[in-house]
N, C-alpha and C. Protein backbone atom coordinates (compact mmCIF):
# COMPACT_ATOMS: atom_id res chain seq x y z
N MET A 1 0.65 -1.16 -0.08
CA MET A 1 -0.18 0.38 -0.20
C MET A 1 0.62 1.50 -0.03
N ASP A 2 1.04 2.17 -0.73
CA ASP A 2 1.56 3.60 -0.32
C ASP A 2 0.79 4.69 0.32
N GLY A 3 1.87 4.23 1.60
CA GLY A 3 1.92 5.23 2.28
C GLY A 3 1.54 6.91 2.13
N GLN A 4 2.55 7.39 1.03
CA GLN A 4 1.95 8.28 0.59
C GLN A 4 0.47 8.56 0.41
N LEU A 5 -0.22 8.01 0.45
CA LEU A 5 -1.41 8.81 -0.66
C LEU A 5 -2.14 8.25 0.44
N ILE A 6 -1.98 7.52 1.18
CA ILE A 6 -2.78 6.77 2.23
C ILE A 6 -3.16 8.25 3.05
N ALA A 7 -1.72 9.11 3.50
CA ALA A 7 -1.04 10.41 4.18
C ALA A 7 -2.16 11.20 3.67
N PHE A 8 -2.14 11.10 1.97
CA PHE A 8 -2.20 11.98 1.48
C PHE A 8 -3.93 11.96 1.54
N THR A 9 -4.48 11.16 1.59
CA THR A 9 -6.15 11.13 1.32
C THR A 9 -5.95 11.48 3.62
N GLY A 10 -6.09 11.05 4.33
CA GLY A 10 -6.27 11.48 5.32
C GLY A 10 -6.21 13.29 5.62
N ILE A 11 -5.24 13.56 4.88
CA ILE A 11 -4.73 15.10 5.48
C ILE A 11 -6.22 15.68 4.82
N ALA A 12 -6.20 15.66 2.84
CA ALA A 12 -6.98 16.10 2.45
C ALA A 12 -8.59 15.73 2.89
N ALA A 13 -8.55 14.62 3.71
CA ALA A 13 -10.30 14.58 4.26
C ALA A 13 -10.34 15.49 5.76
N GLY A 14 -9.47 15.67 6.15
CA GLY A 14 -9.61 17.15 6.81
C GLY A 14 -9.60 18.00 6.27
N LEU A 15 -9.06 18.62 5.42
CA LEU A 15 -9.05 20.36 4.95
C LEU A 15 -10.84 19.92 4.32
N VAL A 16 -11.20 18.62 3.73
CA VAL A 16 -12.56 18.89 2.96
C VAL A 16 -13.46 19.10 4.60
N ALA A 17 -13.41 18.14 5.52
CA ALA A 17 -14.33 18.00 6.30
C ALA A 17 -13.71 19.74 7.23
N MET A 18 -14.02 20.35 7.06
CA MET A 18 -13.46 21.29 7.78
C MET A 18 -14.60 22.55 7.69
N PRO A 19 -15.39 22.94 9.25
CA PRO A 19 -16.32 23.60 8.59
C PRO A 19 -16.19 25.04 7.99
N GLY A 20 -16.70 25.33 6.94
CA GLY A 20 -16.61 26.75 6.42
C GLY A 20 -17.57 26.76 5.35
N ALA A 21 -17.52 28.11 4.89
CA ALA A 21 -18.41 28.16 3.43
C ALA A 21 -19.27 27.06 2.93
N ASP A 22 -18.24 25.81 2.63
CA ASP A 22 -18.88 25.30 1.77
C ASP A 22 -19.58 24.12 2.41
N PHE A 23 -19.86 23.98 3.69
CA PHE A 23 -20.58 23.29 4.81
C PHE A 23 -21.47 23.38 5.14
N THR A 24 -21.88 24.94 5.18
CA THR A 24 -22.52 26.14 5.16
C THR A 24 -23.90 25.98 4.39
N VAL A 25 -23.33 25.76 2.59
CA VAL A 25 -24.18 25.73 1.75
C VAL A 25 -24.91 25.30 1.43
N VAL A 26 -24.25 24.04 2.07
CA VAL A 26 -25.12 22.66 1.73
C VAL A 26 -25.79 22.41 2.77
N VAL A 27 -25.74 22.94 4.09
CA VAL A 27 -26.26 22.88 4.96
C VAL A 27 -27.77 23.54 4.61
N ARG A 28 -27.23 24.82 3.92
CA ARG A 28 -28.52 25.42 3.37
C ARG A 28 -29.62 25.33 2.94
N ASN A 29 -28.63 24.06 1.87
CA ASN A 29 -29.42 23.90 1.13
C ASN A 29 -30.26 22.50 1.02
N ALA A 30 -29.50 21.69 2.32
CA ALA A 30 -30.04 20.09 2.45
C ALA A 30 -31.65 20.61 3.41
N LEU A 31 -31.79 21.55 4.61
CA LEU A 31 -32.74 21.98 4.34
C LEU A 31 -33.81 22.73 3.66
N VAL A 32 -33.65 22.51 2.20
CA VAL A 32 -34.54 22.73 1.95
C VAL A 32 -35.46 21.19 1.55
N SER A 33 -34.07 20.49 0.68
CA SER A 33 -34.91 18.87 0.44
C SER A 33 -33.27 18.20 0.68
N ARG A 34 -32.43 16.87 0.68
CA ARG A 34 -31.73 16.48 0.24
C ARG A 34 -31.88 16.08 -1.22
N GLN A 35 -31.99 16.71 -1.65
CA GLN A 35 -31.78 16.98 -3.18
C GLN A 35 -30.78 17.67 -3.71
N ALA A 36 -31.43 18.74 -3.12
CA ALA A 36 -30.45 20.03 -3.11
C ALA A 36 -29.27 20.22 -2.67
N GLY A 37 -29.83 19.66 -1.05
CA GLY A 37 -27.99 19.63 -0.65
C GLY A 37 -26.85 18.45 -1.33
N ALA A 38 -27.80 17.33 -2.30
CA ALA A 38 -26.66 16.17 -3.03
C ALA A 38 -26.21 17.04 -3.82
N VAL A 39 -26.93 18.12 -4.45
CA VAL A 39 -27.31 18.70 -5.97
C VAL A 39 -25.54 19.69 -6.02
N CYS A 40 -26.19 20.50 -4.46
CA CYS A 40 -24.89 21.66 -3.54
C CYS A 40 -23.44 20.34 -3.77
N ALA A 41 -23.28 19.18 -2.92
CA ALA A 41 -22.49 19.19 -3.30
C ALA A 41 -21.34 18.57 -4.41
N LEU A 42 -22.56 18.28 -5.04
CA LEU A 42 -21.60 18.28 -6.54
C LEU A 42 -20.83 19.35 -7.11
N GLY A 43 -21.48 19.99 -7.03
CA GLY A 43 -21.11 21.66 -7.48
C GLY A 43 -19.92 21.74 -6.66
N ILE A 44 -19.88 21.95 -5.05
CA ILE A 44 -18.72 22.20 -4.08
C ILE A 44 -17.67 20.89 -5.02
N ALA A 45 -17.96 19.77 -5.63
CA ALA A 45 -16.85 18.80 -6.10
C ALA A 45 -16.44 19.60 -6.88
N GLY A 46 -17.43 20.13 -7.90
CA GLY A 46 -16.34 20.82 -9.71
C GLY A 46 -16.18 21.75 -9.08
N GLY A 47 -15.85 22.59 -7.94
CA GLY A 47 -15.04 23.62 -7.68
C GLY A 47 -13.83 22.82 -7.26
N LEU A 48 -14.03 22.10 -6.74
CA LEU A 48 -12.70 21.14 -6.03
C LEU A 48 -11.17 20.98 -7.05
N LEU A 49 -12.82 19.98 -8.39
CA LEU A 49 -11.93 20.01 -8.99
C LEU A 49 -11.18 20.96 -10.38
N VAL A 50 -11.42 21.98 -9.96
CA VAL A 50 -11.27 23.09 -11.35
C VAL A 50 -9.99 23.84 -10.14
N HIS A 51 -10.21 23.60 -9.05
CA HIS A 51 -8.44 24.05 -8.40
C HIS A 51 -7.71 23.28 -8.22
N THR A 52 -7.94 21.60 -8.25
CA THR A 52 -7.20 20.89 -7.86
C THR A 52 -6.19 20.81 -9.63
N THR A 53 -7.21 21.33 -10.54
CA THR A 53 -6.85 20.62 -12.65
C THR A 53 -5.50 22.56 -12.35
N LEU A 54 -6.16 23.49 -11.57
CA LEU A 54 -5.41 24.22 -11.62
C LEU A 54 -4.07 24.24 -10.77
N ALA A 55 -4.28 24.12 -10.20
CA ALA A 55 -3.17 23.25 -9.38
C ALA A 55 -1.99 22.44 -9.79
N VAL A 56 -2.59 21.47 -10.59
CA VAL A 56 -1.67 20.61 -11.69
C VAL A 56 -0.94 20.93 -13.01
N ALA A 57 -1.98 21.92 -13.61
CA ALA A 57 -1.19 22.82 -14.43
C ALA A 57 -0.73 24.18 -14.77
N GLY A 58 -0.13 23.95 -12.88
CA GLY A 58 0.67 25.30 -12.46
C GLY A 58 0.04 26.82 -12.24
N VAL A 59 -1.66 26.52 -12.92
CA VAL A 59 -1.90 28.10 -13.40
C VAL A 59 -2.32 28.82 -12.48
N ALA A 60 -1.92 27.78 -10.75
CA ALA A 60 -2.27 28.39 -9.69
C ALA A 60 -1.06 29.31 -9.27
N THR A 61 0.23 29.21 -9.87
CA THR A 61 1.19 30.10 -9.41
C THR A 61 1.27 31.31 -9.99
N VAL A 62 0.51 31.70 -10.74
CA VAL A 62 -0.03 32.91 -11.42
C VAL A 62 -0.35 33.60 -10.40
N LEU A 63 -1.60 32.74 -9.52
CA LEU A 63 -2.39 33.97 -8.09
C LEU A 63 -1.28 34.47 -7.79
N VAL A 64 -0.10 33.59 -7.53
CA VAL A 64 0.81 33.93 -6.81
C VAL A 64 2.06 35.10 -7.30
N ALA A 65 2.06 34.88 -8.43
CA ALA A 65 2.82 36.17 -9.08
C ALA A 65 1.85 37.35 -9.56
N VAL A 66 0.86 37.27 -9.65
CA VAL A 66 -0.02 38.49 -9.86
C VAL A 66 -0.97 38.85 -8.55
N PRO A 67 -0.19 39.58 -7.60
CA PRO A 67 -1.50 39.54 -6.59
C PRO A 67 -2.60 40.63 -6.74
N ALA A 68 -3.11 41.45 -7.63
CA ALA A 68 -3.86 42.25 -8.58
C ALA A 68 -5.20 40.82 -7.93
N LEU A 69 -4.71 39.59 -8.94
CA LEU A 69 -5.94 38.68 -9.42
C LEU A 69 -6.31 38.10 -8.63
N PHE A 70 -5.21 37.62 -7.49
CA PHE A 70 -6.09 36.94 -6.42
C PHE A 70 -6.59 38.00 -5.79
N ARG A 71 -6.20 39.14 -5.46
CA ARG A 71 -7.65 40.22 -4.97
C ARG A 71 -8.38 39.99 -5.10
N ALA A 72 -8.92 39.93 -6.40
CA ALA A 72 -9.85 40.18 -7.60
C ALA A 72 -10.31 39.50 -6.94
N LEU A 73 -10.13 37.64 -6.93
CA LEU A 73 -11.06 36.70 -6.64
C LEU A 73 -11.03 36.49 -5.06
N GLN A 74 -10.87 37.23 -4.22
CA GLN A 74 -10.57 36.94 -3.10
C GLN A 74 -12.14 37.40 -2.56
N LEU A 75 -11.47 39.32 -3.51
CA LEU A 75 -12.77 40.17 -3.55
C LEU A 75 -14.16 39.54 -3.64
N LEU A 76 -14.40 38.76 -4.90
CA LEU A 76 -15.31 38.25 -5.91
C LEU A 76 -16.05 36.97 -4.98
N GLY A 77 -14.95 36.12 -3.87
CA GLY A 77 -15.68 35.02 -3.07
C GLY A 77 -15.96 35.36 -1.91
N GLY A 78 -15.79 36.35 -1.27
CA GLY A 78 -16.47 36.82 -0.29
C GLY A 78 -17.30 37.33 -0.52
N ALA A 79 -17.56 38.36 -1.64
CA ALA A 79 -18.83 38.93 -2.27
C ALA A 79 -19.85 38.32 -2.44
N TYR A 80 -19.41 37.09 -2.80
CA TYR A 80 -20.43 35.90 -3.51
C TYR A 80 -20.95 35.15 -2.20
N VAL A 81 -20.55 34.56 -0.86
CA VAL A 81 -20.56 34.32 0.20
C VAL A 81 -21.52 35.16 1.41
N LEU A 82 -21.20 36.88 1.28
CA LEU A 82 -21.58 37.62 1.76
C LEU A 82 -23.42 37.50 1.19
N HIS A 83 -23.24 37.69 -0.27
CA HIS A 83 -24.25 37.51 -0.42
C HIS A 83 -25.18 36.76 -0.25
N LEU A 84 -25.17 35.81 -0.14
CA LEU A 84 -25.75 33.80 0.31
C LEU A 84 -26.58 34.67 2.09
N GLY A 85 -25.38 35.04 2.32
CA GLY A 85 -25.71 34.93 3.89
C GLY A 85 -27.04 35.98 3.89
N VAL A 86 -26.50 36.88 3.14
CA VAL A 86 -27.84 38.10 3.92
C VAL A 86 -28.93 37.86 3.24
N ARG A 87 -29.08 37.27 1.66
CA ARG A 87 -30.24 36.57 1.18
C ARG A 87 -30.54 35.52 1.71
N THR A 88 -29.86 35.04 3.34
CA THR A 88 -31.21 33.52 3.25
C THR A 88 -31.22 34.63 4.66
N LEU A 89 -30.57 35.69 5.99
CA LEU A 89 -31.16 36.13 6.88
C LEU A 89 -32.36 37.03 5.89
N TRP A 90 -32.88 37.68 4.82
CA TRP A 90 -33.35 38.21 4.53
C TRP A 90 -35.06 37.35 4.33
N THR A 91 -34.68 36.10 3.97
CA THR A 91 -36.03 35.54 4.21
C THR A 91 -36.83 35.28 5.48
N LEU A 92 -36.04 35.85 6.10
CA LEU A 92 -36.47 35.59 8.04
C LEU A 92 -37.44 36.84 7.99
N ARG A 93 -37.97 37.78 6.65
CA ARG A 93 -38.13 38.90 6.86
C ARG A 93 -39.83 38.65 7.62
N GLY A 94 -40.39 38.12 6.96
CA GLY A 94 -41.31 37.61 7.44
C GLY A 94 -42.03 36.28 8.46
N PRO A 95 -43.38 36.46 9.18
CA PRO A 95 -43.54 35.62 10.47
C PRO A 95 -42.61 34.65 10.68
N THR A 96 -42.41 33.92 9.32
CA THR A 96 -42.27 31.81 9.58
C THR A 96 -41.38 31.78 8.38
N GLY A 97 -40.43 32.85 7.79
CA GLY A 97 -39.42 32.68 7.01
C GLY A 97 -40.14 32.33 5.47
N GLU A 98 -38.92 32.63 4.24
CA GLU A 98 -39.86 32.47 3.48
C GLU A 98 -40.49 30.85 2.69
N PRO A 99 -41.63 30.30 1.80
CA PRO A 99 -42.34 28.49 2.35
C PRO A 99 -41.25 28.22 1.85
N GLU A 100 -41.08 26.99 2.08
CA GLU A 100 -40.16 26.33 1.79
C GLU A 100 -39.85 25.82 -0.39
N ALA A 101 -41.20 25.74 -0.57
CA ALA A 101 -41.46 26.20 -2.17
C ALA A 101 -40.29 27.29 -2.64
N ALA A 102 -40.89 27.90 -2.37
CA ALA A 102 -40.35 29.30 -3.11
C ALA A 102 -38.94 28.80 -2.72
N ALA A 103 -38.09 28.65 -1.67
CA ALA A 103 -36.88 29.20 -1.55
C ALA A 103 -36.52 27.38 -2.33
N ALA A 104 -36.80 27.05 -2.43
CA ALA A 104 -36.45 25.80 -3.24
C ALA A 104 -35.93 26.16 -4.06
N ALA A 105 -37.15 27.37 -5.38
CA ALA A 105 -37.24 27.28 -6.85
C ALA A 105 -35.98 28.84 -7.05
N LYS A 106 -35.57 29.38 -5.31
CA LYS A 106 -34.92 30.17 -5.98
C LYS A 106 -33.41 29.58 -5.52
N THR A 107 -33.54 28.26 -4.48
CA THR A 107 -32.16 27.91 -4.15
C THR A 107 -30.67 27.34 -5.88
N ARG A 108 -31.17 27.05 -6.56
CA ARG A 108 -30.10 26.84 -7.81
C ARG A 108 -28.70 26.32 -6.92
N PRO A 109 -28.65 24.84 -6.70
CA PRO A 109 -27.52 24.24 -5.20
C PRO A 109 -26.60 24.05 -5.78
N LEU A 110 -26.80 23.32 -7.64
CA LEU A 110 -25.59 23.35 -7.79
C LEU A 110 -24.66 24.48 -8.33
N ARG A 111 -25.20 25.55 -8.80
CA ARG A 111 -24.56 26.69 -8.72
C ARG A 111 -23.35 27.42 -7.71
N GLN A 112 -24.58 27.47 -6.53
CA GLN A 112 -24.02 27.99 -5.22
C GLN A 112 -22.68 27.19 -4.89
N GLY A 113 -23.08 26.16 -4.45
CA GLY A 113 -21.48 25.11 -4.82
C GLY A 113 -20.50 25.24 -4.98
N PHE A 114 -20.77 25.14 -6.73
CA PHE A 114 -19.46 25.52 -7.53
C PHE A 114 -18.88 26.90 -7.53
N VAL A 115 -19.63 27.96 -7.11
CA VAL A 115 -19.34 29.38 -7.09
C VAL A 115 -18.96 29.61 -5.72
N THR A 116 -19.44 29.38 -4.69
CA THR A 116 -19.11 29.47 -4.08
C THR A 116 -17.29 28.61 -3.64
N ASN A 117 -17.40 27.57 -3.61
CA ASN A 117 -15.92 26.93 -3.72
C ASN A 117 -15.02 27.60 -4.70
N VAL A 118 -15.69 27.73 -5.96
CA VAL A 118 -14.84 27.74 -6.72
C VAL A 118 -13.97 29.84 -7.75
N LEU A 119 -14.72 30.44 -6.55
CA LEU A 119 -14.32 31.95 -6.44
C LEU A 119 -13.54 31.81 -4.55
N ASN A 120 -12.85 30.89 -4.24
CA ASN A 120 -12.04 30.67 -3.02
C ASN A 120 -11.03 30.53 -3.90
N PRO A 121 -9.72 31.21 -3.48
CA PRO A 121 -8.01 31.47 -4.78
C PRO A 121 -7.72 30.67 -3.66
N LYS A 122 -7.81 30.43 -1.85
CA LYS A 122 -6.71 30.21 -1.06
C LYS A 122 -6.74 28.33 -1.30
N ALA A 123 -8.07 28.24 -2.23
CA ALA A 123 -8.44 26.55 -1.93
C ALA A 123 -6.73 26.41 -3.13
N SER A 124 -6.97 27.52 -4.59
CA SER A 124 -6.00 26.62 -5.71
C SER A 124 -4.81 27.17 -4.72
N LEU A 125 -4.17 27.65 -3.88
CA LEU A 125 -2.82 27.99 -3.18
C LEU A 125 -2.31 26.85 -2.42
N THR A 126 -3.39 26.29 -1.60
CA THR A 126 -3.81 24.90 -0.79
C THR A 126 -3.00 23.86 -1.49
N PHE A 127 -3.63 23.70 -2.45
CA PHE A 127 -3.68 22.48 -3.45
C PHE A 127 -2.46 22.11 -4.24
N LEU A 128 -1.84 23.66 -4.84
CA LEU A 128 -0.30 23.78 -5.05
C LEU A 128 1.10 23.68 -4.38
N SER A 129 0.42 23.99 -3.46
CA SER A 129 1.96 23.82 -1.90
C SER A 129 1.64 22.13 -1.56
N LEU A 130 0.01 21.73 -1.72
CA LEU A 130 -0.08 20.47 -0.63
C LEU A 130 0.67 18.97 -2.69
N LEU A 131 -0.35 19.62 -3.17
CA LEU A 131 -0.20 17.84 -4.43
C LEU A 131 1.51 17.87 -3.88
N PRO A 132 2.58 18.78 -4.94
CA PRO A 132 3.87 18.49 -5.20
C PRO A 132 4.29 17.84 -3.58
N GLN A 133 3.96 17.61 -2.26
CA GLN A 133 4.91 16.72 -1.83
C GLN A 133 4.35 15.58 -1.35
N PHE A 134 3.60 14.90 -2.39
CA PHE A 134 2.82 13.68 -2.42
C PHE A 134 3.18 12.91 -3.75
N VAL A 135 4.32 13.28 -4.51
CA VAL A 135 4.48 12.93 -5.85
C VAL A 135 5.98 12.58 -5.74
N PRO A 136 5.99 11.34 -5.18
CA PRO A 136 7.37 10.42 -4.36
C PRO A 136 8.12 10.50 -5.98
N SER A 137 9.70 10.83 -5.47
CA SER A 137 10.52 10.90 -6.66
C SER A 137 10.77 9.61 -7.72
N GLY A 138 11.22 10.71 -8.69
CA GLY A 138 10.89 9.22 -9.48
C GLY A 138 9.79 8.67 -10.51
N HIS A 139 8.88 9.17 -10.03
CA HIS A 139 7.04 9.06 -10.49
C HIS A 139 7.08 10.34 -11.50
N ALA A 140 5.87 9.94 -12.40
CA ALA A 140 5.17 11.17 -13.04
C ALA A 140 4.86 11.88 -12.25
N ALA A 141 4.97 13.29 -12.58
CA ALA A 141 4.06 14.18 -11.98
C ALA A 141 2.32 14.19 -11.54
N LEU A 142 2.62 13.88 -13.43
CA LEU A 142 0.93 14.10 -14.35
C LEU A 142 0.22 13.28 -13.26
N PRO A 143 0.28 12.02 -13.72
CA PRO A 143 -0.67 11.38 -13.28
C PRO A 143 -0.68 10.74 -11.94
N ARG A 144 0.61 11.37 -11.70
CA ARG A 144 0.48 10.78 -9.90
C ARG A 144 -0.51 12.49 -9.39
N THR A 145 -0.40 13.69 -9.54
CA THR A 145 -1.20 14.98 -8.59
C THR A 145 -2.48 14.36 -9.73
N LEU A 146 -2.67 14.09 -10.91
CA LEU A 146 -4.26 13.85 -11.85
C LEU A 146 -5.05 12.94 -10.61
N LEU A 147 -4.37 11.79 -10.33
CA LEU A 147 -4.92 11.06 -9.02
C LEU A 147 -5.39 11.75 -8.16
N LEU A 148 -4.10 12.17 -7.30
CA LEU A 148 -4.73 13.21 -5.59
C LEU A 148 -5.44 14.11 -5.88
N ALA A 149 -5.43 14.59 -7.17
CA ALA A 149 -6.82 15.69 -7.57
C ALA A 149 -8.13 14.66 -7.56
N LEU A 150 -8.21 13.73 -7.82
CA LEU A 150 -9.78 13.45 -8.03
C LEU A 150 -9.38 12.39 -6.72
N ILE A 151 -8.58 12.10 -5.98
CA ILE A 151 -8.89 11.59 -4.33
C ILE A 151 -9.79 12.81 -3.84
N VAL A 152 -9.13 13.85 -3.65
CA VAL A 152 -10.18 15.48 -3.29
C VAL A 152 -11.23 14.92 -3.74
N CYS A 153 -11.37 15.17 -5.01
CA CYS A 153 -13.12 15.11 -5.44
C CYS A 153 -14.26 14.27 -4.74
N ALA A 154 -13.47 12.92 -4.50
CA ALA A 154 -14.50 11.92 -4.41
C ALA A 154 -14.86 11.80 -2.29
N LEU A 155 -13.64 13.44 -2.27
CA LEU A 155 -13.66 12.75 -0.80
C LEU A 155 -14.49 14.32 -0.77
N ALA A 156 -14.50 15.02 -1.34
CA ALA A 156 -15.84 15.96 -1.15
C ALA A 156 -17.08 15.48 -1.31
N LEU A 157 -17.22 15.04 -2.63
CA LEU A 157 -18.85 14.82 -3.33
C LEU A 157 -18.88 13.76 -2.20
N ALA A 158 -17.85 12.61 -1.33
CA ALA A 158 -18.89 12.33 -0.26
C ALA A 158 -19.29 12.49 0.80
N TRP A 159 -18.32 12.70 1.77
CA TRP A 159 -18.47 14.20 3.19
C TRP A 159 -19.92 14.79 2.73
N PHE A 160 -19.80 15.73 1.79
CA PHE A 160 -21.01 16.51 1.53
C PHE A 160 -22.05 15.77 1.03
N GLN A 161 -21.93 15.01 0.69
CA GLN A 161 -23.39 13.77 0.60
C GLN A 161 -23.78 13.64 1.85
N VAL A 162 -22.83 12.84 2.33
CA VAL A 162 -23.27 12.90 3.67
C VAL A 162 -23.41 13.84 4.72
N VAL A 163 -23.50 14.84 4.75
CA VAL A 163 -23.90 16.47 5.29
C VAL A 163 -25.07 16.42 4.22
N ALA A 164 -25.49 16.48 3.52
CA ALA A 164 -26.73 16.51 3.09
C ALA A 164 -27.28 15.47 4.00
N LEU A 165 -27.02 13.83 4.16
CA LEU A 165 -28.01 13.35 4.37
C LEU A 165 -28.82 13.00 5.69
N LEU A 166 -28.00 13.65 6.45
CA LEU A 166 -27.71 13.36 7.53
C LEU A 166 -28.57 14.95 8.09
N VAL A 167 -28.55 15.89 7.22
CA VAL A 167 -29.49 17.18 7.66
C VAL A 167 -30.98 16.82 7.06
N ASP A 168 -31.00 15.99 5.74
CA ASP A 168 -32.47 15.78 5.45
C ASP A 168 -33.33 14.19 6.54
N ARG A 169 -32.41 13.90 7.27
CA ARG A 169 -32.77 12.84 8.07
C ARG A 169 -33.18 13.07 9.28
N LEU A 170 -32.61 14.54 9.57
CA LEU A 170 -33.39 15.79 11.08
C LEU A 170 -33.94 16.44 10.53
N GLY A 171 -34.74 16.37 9.23
CA GLY A 171 -35.79 16.92 8.37
C GLY A 171 -36.83 17.29 8.98
N ARG A 172 -37.46 16.58 9.84
CA ARG A 172 -38.66 16.64 10.46
C ARG A 172 -38.28 17.69 11.35
N TRP A 173 -37.73 17.42 12.58
CA TRP A 173 -36.93 18.20 13.99
C TRP A 173 -36.86 19.66 13.60
N LEU A 174 -35.77 19.57 12.10
CA LEU A 174 -35.11 20.91 11.30
C LEU A 174 -36.12 21.51 10.61
N ARG A 175 -36.97 21.09 10.39
CA ARG A 175 -38.11 21.92 9.35
C ARG A 175 -39.25 22.59 10.51
N ARG A 176 -39.39 22.13 11.42
CA ARG A 176 -40.37 22.96 12.39
C ARG A 176 -40.24 24.06 12.49
N PRO A 177 -41.40 24.62 12.50
CA PRO A 177 -41.35 26.71 12.08
C PRO A 177 -40.24 27.02 13.35
N ARG A 178 -40.32 26.85 13.93
CA ARG A 178 -39.20 27.64 15.72
C ARG A 178 -37.70 26.88 15.33
N ALA A 179 -37.54 25.33 15.03
CA ALA A 179 -35.82 24.93 14.96
C ALA A 179 -35.50 25.25 13.55
N ALA A 180 -36.74 25.53 11.97
CA ALA A 180 -36.40 25.60 11.06
C ALA A 180 -35.63 27.53 10.98
N ARG A 181 -36.42 28.13 11.57
CA ARG A 181 -36.00 29.55 11.64
C ARG A 181 -34.83 30.00 12.43
N VAL A 182 -34.66 28.73 13.33
CA VAL A 182 -32.53 29.18 14.37
C VAL A 182 -31.87 28.93 13.49
N LEU A 183 -32.29 27.58 12.90
CA LEU A 183 -31.06 27.11 11.63
C LEU A 183 -31.02 27.82 10.94
N GLN A 184 -31.77 28.52 10.27
CA GLN A 184 -32.18 29.47 8.66
C GLN A 184 -30.86 30.53 9.11
N THR A 185 -30.96 31.27 10.17
CA THR A 185 -30.86 32.64 11.32
C THR A 185 -29.25 32.16 11.32
N GLY A 186 -29.03 30.90 11.98
CA GLY A 186 -27.83 30.64 11.75
C GLY A 186 -26.70 30.49 10.80
N THR A 187 -27.16 29.65 9.70
CA THR A 187 -26.62 29.52 8.66
C THR A 187 -26.90 31.14 7.97
N GLY A 188 -27.64 31.55 8.03
CA GLY A 188 -27.25 33.02 7.65
C GLY A 188 -26.34 33.77 7.99
N VAL A 189 -26.00 34.03 9.10
CA VAL A 189 -25.14 34.37 10.12
C VAL A 189 -23.53 33.68 9.74
N ALA A 190 -23.60 32.83 9.60
CA ALA A 190 -23.00 31.89 9.51
C ALA A 190 -22.33 32.85 7.86
N LEU A 191 -23.42 32.84 7.03
CA LEU A 191 -22.58 32.44 5.60
C LEU A 191 -22.38 34.47 6.04
N THR A 192 -22.75 35.30 6.36
CA THR A 192 -22.63 36.75 6.64
C THR A 192 -21.26 36.52 7.09
N ALA A 193 -20.89 36.21 8.11
CA ALA A 193 -19.22 36.30 8.57
C ALA A 193 -18.70 35.90 8.02
N LEU A 194 -18.91 35.03 7.20
CA LEU A 194 -17.17 34.58 6.52
C LEU A 194 -17.32 34.88 5.50
N GLY A 195 -18.32 35.81 4.95
CA GLY A 195 -18.21 36.30 3.71
C GLY A 195 -17.59 37.82 3.85
N ALA A 196 -18.27 38.12 5.61
CA ALA A 196 -17.14 39.67 5.38
C ALA A 196 -16.10 39.22 6.02
N ALA A 197 -15.23 38.21 6.48
CA ALA A 197 -14.33 37.98 6.84
C ALA A 197 -13.25 37.58 5.71
N LEU A 198 -14.20 36.54 4.63
CA LEU A 198 -13.28 36.88 3.88
C LEU A 198 -12.69 38.14 2.55
N LEU A 199 -13.80 39.42 3.04
CA LEU A 199 -13.79 40.49 2.30
C LEU A 199 -12.72 41.67 3.22
N VAL A 200 -12.39 41.35 4.62
CA VAL A 200 -11.38 41.84 5.34
C VAL A 200 -10.29 41.93 4.86
N GLU A 201 -9.46 40.83 4.63
CA GLU A 201 -8.35 40.90 4.14
C GLU A 201 -7.80 41.71 2.81
N PRO A 202 -8.38 41.54 1.92
CA PRO A 202 -8.35 41.96 0.58
C PRO A 202 -8.63 43.69 0.64
N VAL A 203 -9.59 43.71 1.63
CA VAL A 203 -10.18 45.35 1.26
C VAL A 203 -8.76 45.49 2.11
N LEU A 204 -8.21 45.44 3.53
CA LEU A 204 -7.55 46.44 3.83
C LEU A 204 -6.23 46.32 3.33
N THR A 205 -5.51 45.27 2.31
CA THR A 205 -5.23 45.26 1.52
C THR A 205 -4.51 46.36 0.12
N LEU A 206 -6.18 46.53 -0.14
CA LEU A 206 -6.00 47.85 -0.98
C LEU A 206 -5.38 49.29 -0.58
N LEU A 207 -6.34 49.03 0.93
CA LEU A 207 -6.44 50.63 1.78
C LEU A 207 -5.06 50.46 2.50
N ALA A 208 -4.60 50.25 2.14
CA ALA A 208 -3.03 49.80 3.02
C ALA A 208 -1.62 50.81 1.54
């Protein structure tokens, strides 16, 4: 058994499972339906595939070489996550929040998952620094890094499908008006805070 491959899988699993915008967006969509959560997970896996492909191709190095491009992507990603958070909180303006059918119609889970993940340039930099560490000397770099990229995408797809399933299984309780409102408020606040946090660094850099 390839020890480096096992080590990489463990590290990648930890990175994928780390709570963040991806996790929150999946939970938000899974509250609408298990299918919406599962489709959102597909979008996130697609975003990760883009990041790992860029890392394999070496394109991610451009983000390091061109700070303005990196900051622009940070601003776009932060603004999108902030937008999702504010919109989630906005649906609570009524007595019981937005009706479930209306929320489902507006969710577009695949796009949300993909855009939330792909607009995070730090993911590309993470994989750019991580993947080469697990290419043994003497091995062809391209096939190996492609394998590592596929492992990351498979882990993300599996993990977020599990998250969507768990949220759906708890759905009867979570979708009760009071519980749904509390959880929707929590996800809205989390997304808003994450979006604001993602915007702080590039904005401060631009103002410096």
